[in-house]
Each structure stands twice: as C-alpha cells, then as structure tokens.
C-alpha cells in the first residue's frame, strides 16, 4: 500500500484513540475529525457535569434513588466518551486503509429507472 500522502493504519488508530479526530485530520478528513472532536467535547462536558452534580447530591441529600440515578447518568456519559475514543480510532484505521481508493466513484440511476448503478473506474498498469 502506498501511504506517502497519509499515515499508516496503526498510527492513525492510536492518534484518534488518544485524541478523537486527530487521525482523521492527519488523513485530511477534517469534517469527520471535527465531528469526533465536537462529540468529544459534548461527552466530556456532560460527564464532568454529571460528576459535579453527583458530588453535590452526595453532600446534600439522603435520597438514595436520586443518587443512584445520577450515578447511572455519569456512567452513561462515561461509556459514550470511551466509545467515542474507540470509534474514532477504528474510523481512522479504516480510512487510512482506504486512502488510496479512487475518489471518482459515482452512483447514477439505472437506464430504465429501476435501482442504481455504481461506476467504478479500474486502471491496469
């Protein structure tokens, strides 16, 4: 595989697993990388907010049902945060494998309007 214009799969995976969106940015997939970074901000912010609210409730209330709900909310956001790291890494890994895929793949309607066709040019050396 010729990866002279991008990065190899494992470094792309680890870059995006560490900082979601970094591997995509290195592969010149800036929109995808930006979406992963934005979702990282949302999940990190909500995880910290839920943790702060949980600490407040632990200090001020004795309602165990409410405490358990807040613990569950914090855990849910934490799982989404971890999933974002994993999914961003996997997406960067796959994208680095497909970086040499021809970009001129086109879809068009079939001649009589039934279904679609994919036109994929193939070049032989």
Protein backbone atom coordinates (compact mmCIF):
# COMPACT_ATOMS: atom_id res chain seq x y z
CA UNK A 1 0.00 0.00 0.00
CA UNK A 2 1.31 3.43 -0.91
CA UNK A 3 0.90 5.69 2.11
CA UNK A 4 3.19 8.52 1.02
CA UNK A 5 0.42 11.10 1.29
CA UNK A 6 -1.11 9.92 4.57
CA UNK A 7 -0.34 7.95 7.68
CA UNK A 8 -0.28 4.23 8.25
CA UNK A 9 -3.26 2.43 9.84
CA UNK A 10 -1.96 1.75 13.36
CA UNK A 11 -0.59 5.27 13.96
CA UNK A 12 -3.91 6.65 12.66
CA UNK A 13 -5.80 4.38 15.06
CA UNK A 14 -3.72 5.37 18.09
CA UNK A 15 -3.80 9.08 17.21
CA UNK A 16 -7.60 9.09 17.08
CA UNK A 17 -7.99 6.76 20.04
CA UNK A 18 -5.92 9.18 22.11
CA UNK A 19 -7.47 12.40 20.72
CA UNK A 20 -10.66 11.71 18.74
CA UNK A 21 -10.46 13.40 15.36
CA UNK A 22 -6.67 13.71 15.22
CA UNK A 23 -6.18 10.70 12.94
CA UNK A 24 -8.93 11.95 10.66
CA UNK A 25 -7.32 15.40 10.49
CA UNK A 26 -3.96 13.81 9.61
CA UNK A 27 -5.74 11.91 6.82
CA UNK A 28 -7.22 15.19 5.53
CA UNK A 29 -10.74 14.24 6.68
CA UNK A 30 -11.30 17.47 8.54
CA UNK A 31 -15.11 17.38 8.70
CA UNK A 32 -15.11 13.87 10.16
CA UNK A 33 -12.34 14.81 12.57
CA UNK A 34 -14.25 17.92 13.61
CA UNK A 35 -17.38 15.90 14.30
CA UNK A 36 -15.44 13.48 16.51
CA UNK A 37 -13.85 16.41 18.37
CA UNK A 38 -17.22 18.12 18.83
CA UNK A 39 -18.80 14.94 20.20
CA UNK A 40 -15.77 14.54 22.48
CA UNK A 41 -16.47 18.00 23.88
CA UNK A 42 -20.14 17.20 24.46
CA UNK A 43 -19.49 13.87 26.16
CA UNK A 44 -16.59 15.18 28.26
CA UNK A 45 -18.62 18.21 29.34
CA UNK A 46 -21.64 16.12 30.26
CA UNK A 47 -19.50 13.57 32.12
CA UNK A 48 -17.93 16.34 34.20
CA UNK A 49 -21.35 17.98 34.78
CA UNK A 50 -22.91 14.71 35.95
CA UNK A 51 -19.93 14.03 38.23
CA UNK A 52 -20.22 17.51 39.75
CA UNK A 53 -23.95 17.10 40.32
CA UNK A 54 -23.33 13.69 41.88
CA UNK A 55 -20.79 15.16 44.33
CA UNK A 56 -23.29 17.89 45.23
CA UNK A 57 -26.07 15.36 45.82
CA UNK A 58 -23.79 13.16 47.94
CA UNK A 59 -23.11 16.17 50.20
CA UNK A 60 -26.67 17.46 50.45
CA UNK A 61 -29.23 14.69 50.09
CA UNK A 62 -30.06 11.35 51.60
CA UNK A 63 -32.35 10.27 48.73
CA UNK A 64 -30.65 7.06 47.56
CA UNK A 65 -32.88 6.79 44.48
CA UNK A 66 -31.76 10.17 43.20
CA UNK A 67 -28.12 9.38 43.94
CA UNK A 68 -28.37 6.12 42.01
CA UNK A 69 -29.95 7.88 39.01
CA UNK A 70 -27.15 10.44 38.96
CA UNK A 71 -24.51 7.67 39.22
CA UNK A 72 -26.16 5.94 36.27
CA UNK A 73 -26.20 9.19 34.26
CA UNK A 74 -22.49 9.76 34.94
CA UNK A 75 -21.74 6.18 33.91
CA UNK A 76 -23.77 6.53 30.70
CA UNK A 77 -21.85 9.65 29.65
CA UNK A 78 -18.55 7.98 30.53
CA UNK A 79 -19.42 4.99 28.32
CA UNK A 80 -20.24 7.36 25.44
CA UNK A 81 -16.92 9.14 25.98
CA UNK A 82 -14.98 5.86 25.84
CA UNK A 83 -16.99 4.68 22.83
CA UNK A 84 -16.13 7.91 21.00
CA UNK A 85 -12.41 7.24 21.50
CA UNK A 86 -12.72 3.66 20.27
CA UNK A 87 -14.94 4.50 17.31
CA UNK A 88 -12.74 7.44 16.24
CA UNK A 89 -9.71 5.16 16.32
CA UNK A 90 -11.42 2.47 14.28
CA UNK A 91 -12.70 5.00 11.74
CA UNK A 92 -9.18 6.43 11.31
CA UNK A 93 -7.78 2.89 10.93
CA UNK A 94 -10.26 2.07 8.15
CA UNK A 95 -9.83 5.47 6.49
CA UNK A 96 -6.06 5.02 6.34
CA UNK A 97 -6.57 1.70 4.56
CA UNK A 98 -8.92 3.35 2.06
CA UNK A 99 -6.86 6.49 1.41
CA UNK A 100 -5.76 5.17 -1.99
CA UNK A 101 -9.30 4.25 -3.05
CA UNK A 102 -10.27 6.11 -6.23
CA UNK A 103 -12.33 9.19 -5.47
CA UNK A 104 -14.17 9.16 -8.78
CA UNK A 105 -16.74 6.53 -7.77
CA UNK A 106 -20.17 7.69 -8.95
CA UNK A 107 -23.71 6.49 -8.46
CA UNK A 108 -26.40 7.08 -11.06
CA UNK A 109 -29.87 5.78 -11.81
CA UNK A 110 -30.17 2.67 -13.90
CA UNK A 111 -31.21 3.10 -17.57
CA UNK A 112 -34.90 2.37 -17.01
CA UNK A 113 -35.10 3.92 -13.56
CA UNK A 114 -35.04 0.63 -11.63
CA UNK A 115 -32.38 0.76 -8.89
CA UNK A 116 -28.93 2.28 -9.09
CA UNK A 117 -25.61 1.52 -10.76
CA UNK A 118 -22.13 2.13 -9.39
CA UNK A 119 -19.49 3.22 -11.88
CA UNK A 120 -16.02 2.36 -10.59
CA UNK A 121 -13.16 3.02 -12.99
CA UNK A 122 -10.43 0.39 -12.88
CA UNK A 123 -6.94 1.12 -14.11
CA UNK A 124 -4.49 -1.60 -15.03
CA UNK A 125 -0.78 -0.79 -15.28
